[in-house]
Amino acid sequence: MMTNPILETKYKTQKQLTEEAQYDIAKYVENSHSIVRAVEAQYGVTFNYGVREGGKVESLVAHHRASNKGLEPTP
């Protein structure tokens, strides 16, 4: 895999966020959004978010866990 210092930092940060969220995607997103809000406050910027079309996304977590028992990462 090709890499460079920027990608290495990205991978390290993603791994840290994943571990802090204990492999829970909802917690990962919540933590990431909290960091974005802190950056907005610190630097006086506002990020704009796109609108996703198609309504609410159905959760696949229960289905995934039921069909793949034992394959979840261990915290």
C-alpha atoms as a PDB file:
ATOM      1  CA  MET A   1       0.000   0.000   0.000  1.00  0.00           C
ATOM      2  CA  MET A   2       1.292   3.425  -0.912  1.00  0.00           C
ATOM      3  CA  THR A   3       1.478   5.855   1.966  1.00  0.00           C
ATOM      4  CA  ASN A   4       2.778   9.254   2.946  1.00  0.00           C
ATOM      5  CA  PRO A   5       2.903  11.253   6.192  1.00  0.00           C
ATOM      6  CA  ILE A   6      -0.591  12.701   5.665  1.00  0.00           C
ATOM      7  CA  LEU A   7      -2.163   9.271   5.107  1.00  0.00           C
ATOM      8  CA  GLU A   8      -0.280   7.842   8.081  1.00  0.00           C
ATOM      9  CA  THR A   9      -1.715  10.594  10.289  1.00  0.00           C
ATOM     10  CA  LYS A  10      -5.193   9.944   8.875  1.00  0.00           C
ATOM     11  CA  TYR A  11      -4.975   6.204   9.606  1.00  0.00           C
ATOM     12  CA  LYS A  12      -3.601   6.816  13.104  1.00  0.00           C
ATOM     13  CA  THR A  13      -6.418   9.274  13.860  1.00  0.00           C
ATOM     14  CA  GLN A  14      -9.098   6.917  12.525  1.00  0.00           C
ATOM     15  CA  LYS A  15      -7.708   4.085  14.638  1.00  0.00           C
ATOM     16  CA  GLN A  16      -7.682   6.291  17.751  1.00  0.00           C
ATOM     17  CA  LEU A  17     -11.277   7.456  17.133  1.00  0.00           C
ATOM     18  CA  THR A  18     -12.382   3.855  16.561  1.00  0.00           C
ATOM     19  CA  GLU A  19     -10.821   2.668  19.801  1.00  0.00           C
ATOM     20  CA  GLU A  20     -12.242   5.617  21.770  1.00  0.00           C
ATOM     21  CA  ALA A  21     -15.706   4.745  20.420  1.00  0.00           C
ATOM     22  CA  GLN A  22     -15.167   1.081  21.346  1.00  0.00           C
ATOM     23  CA  TYR A  23     -15.956   0.063  17.741  1.00  0.00           C
ATOM     24  CA  ASP A  24     -19.441   1.638  17.930  1.00  0.00           C
ATOM     25  CA  ILE A  25     -20.117   3.573  14.709  1.00  0.00           C
ATOM     26  CA  ALA A  26     -22.772   5.794  16.320  1.00  0.00           C
ATOM     27  CA  LYS A  27     -20.324   6.783  19.060  1.00  0.00           C
ATOM     28  CA  TYR A  28     -17.576   7.286  16.435  1.00  0.00           C
ATOM     29  CA  VAL A  29     -19.784   9.737  14.529  1.00  0.00           C
ATOM     30  CA  GLU A  30     -20.845  11.486  17.743  1.00  0.00           C
ATOM     31  CA  ASN A  31     -17.218  11.899  18.848  1.00  0.00           C
ATOM     32  CA  SER A  32     -16.156  13.118  15.395  1.00  0.00           C
ATOM     33  CA  HIS A  33     -18.970  15.658  15.271  1.00  0.00           C
ATOM     34  CA  SER A  34     -17.992  16.891  18.723  1.00  0.00           C
ATOM     35  CA  ILE A  35     -14.441  17.484  17.472  1.00  0.00           C
ATOM     36  CA  VAL A  36     -15.785  19.400  14.465  1.00  0.00           C
ATOM     37  CA  ARG A  37     -17.895  21.625  16.751  1.00  0.00           C
ATOM     38  CA  ALA A  38     -14.821  22.319  18.895  1.00  0.00           C
ATOM     39  CA  VAL A  39     -12.798  23.277  15.803  1.00  0.00           C
ATOM     40  CA  GLU A  40     -15.608  25.579  14.669  1.00  0.00           C
ATOM     41  CA  ALA A  41     -15.622  27.314  18.057  1.00  0.00           C
ATOM     42  CA  GLN A  42     -11.837  27.532  18.330  1.00  0.00           C
ATOM     43  CA  TYR A  43     -11.222  28.967  14.853  1.00  0.00           C
ATOM     44  CA  GLY A  44     -14.487  30.869  14.334  1.00  0.00           C
ATOM     45  CA  VAL A  45     -15.481  28.929  11.237  1.00  0.00           C
ATOM     46  CA  THR A  46     -18.718  27.205  10.295  1.00  0.00           C
ATOM     47  CA  PHE A  47     -18.856  24.016   8.257  1.00  0.00           C
ATOM     48  CA  ASN A  48     -21.833  23.411   5.996  1.00  0.00           C
ATOM     49  CA  TYR A  49     -23.391  19.970   5.808  1.00  0.00           C
ATOM     50  CA  GLY A  50     -25.073  18.430   2.792  1.00  0.00           C
ATOM     51  CA  VAL A  51     -28.567  17.038   2.927  1.00  0.00           C
ATOM     52  CA  ARG A  52     -28.956  13.337   2.216  1.00  0.00           C
ATOM     53  CA  GLU A  53     -31.975  12.463   0.110  1.00  0.00           C
ATOM     54  CA  GLY A  54     -34.046   9.361   0.681  1.00  0.00           C
ATOM     55  CA  GLY A  55     -35.136   9.618   4.290  1.00  0.00           C
ATOM     56  CA  LYS A  56     -33.849   7.843   7.335  1.00  0.00           C
ATOM     57  CA  VAL A  57     -31.315   5.028   7.047  1.00  0.00           C
ATOM     58  CA  GLU A  58     -32.412   1.746   8.557  1.00  0.00           C
ATOM     59  CA  SER A  59     -30.067   0.267  11.151  1.00  0.00           C
ATOM     60  CA  LEU A  60     -28.297  -2.890  10.033  1.00  0.00           C
ATOM     61  CA  VAL A  61     -26.457  -3.436  13.311  1.00  0.00           C
ATOM     62  CA  ALA A  62     -28.907  -5.974  14.765  1.00  0.00           C
ATOM     63  CA  HIS A  63     -29.061  -7.927  11.508  1.00  0.00           C
ATOM     64  CA  HIS A  64     -25.277  -7.878  11.123  1.00  0.00           C
ATOM     65  CA  ARG A  65     -24.629  -9.081  14.664  1.00  0.00           C
ATOM     66  CA  ALA A  66     -27.233 -11.827  14.467  1.00  0.00           C
ATOM     67  CA  SER A  67     -25.863 -13.203  11.208  1.00  0.00           C
ATOM     68  CA  ASN A  68     -22.146 -12.858  12.034  1.00  0.00           C
ATOM     69  CA  LYS A  69     -21.838 -13.841  15.683  1.00  0.00           C
ATOM     70  CA  GLY A  70     -18.281 -13.999  16.868  1.00  0.00           C
ATOM     71  CA  LEU A  71     -16.920 -11.761  14.121  1.00  0.00           C
ATOM     72  CA  GLU A  72     -17.157  -8.443  15.950  1.00  0.00           C
ATOM     73  CA  PRO A  73     -13.851  -6.917  16.998  1.00  0.00           C
ATOM     74  CA  THR A  74     -13.062  -7.236  20.667  1.00  0.00           C
ATOM     75  CA  PRO A  75     -12.520  -3.944  22.511  1.00  0.00           C
END
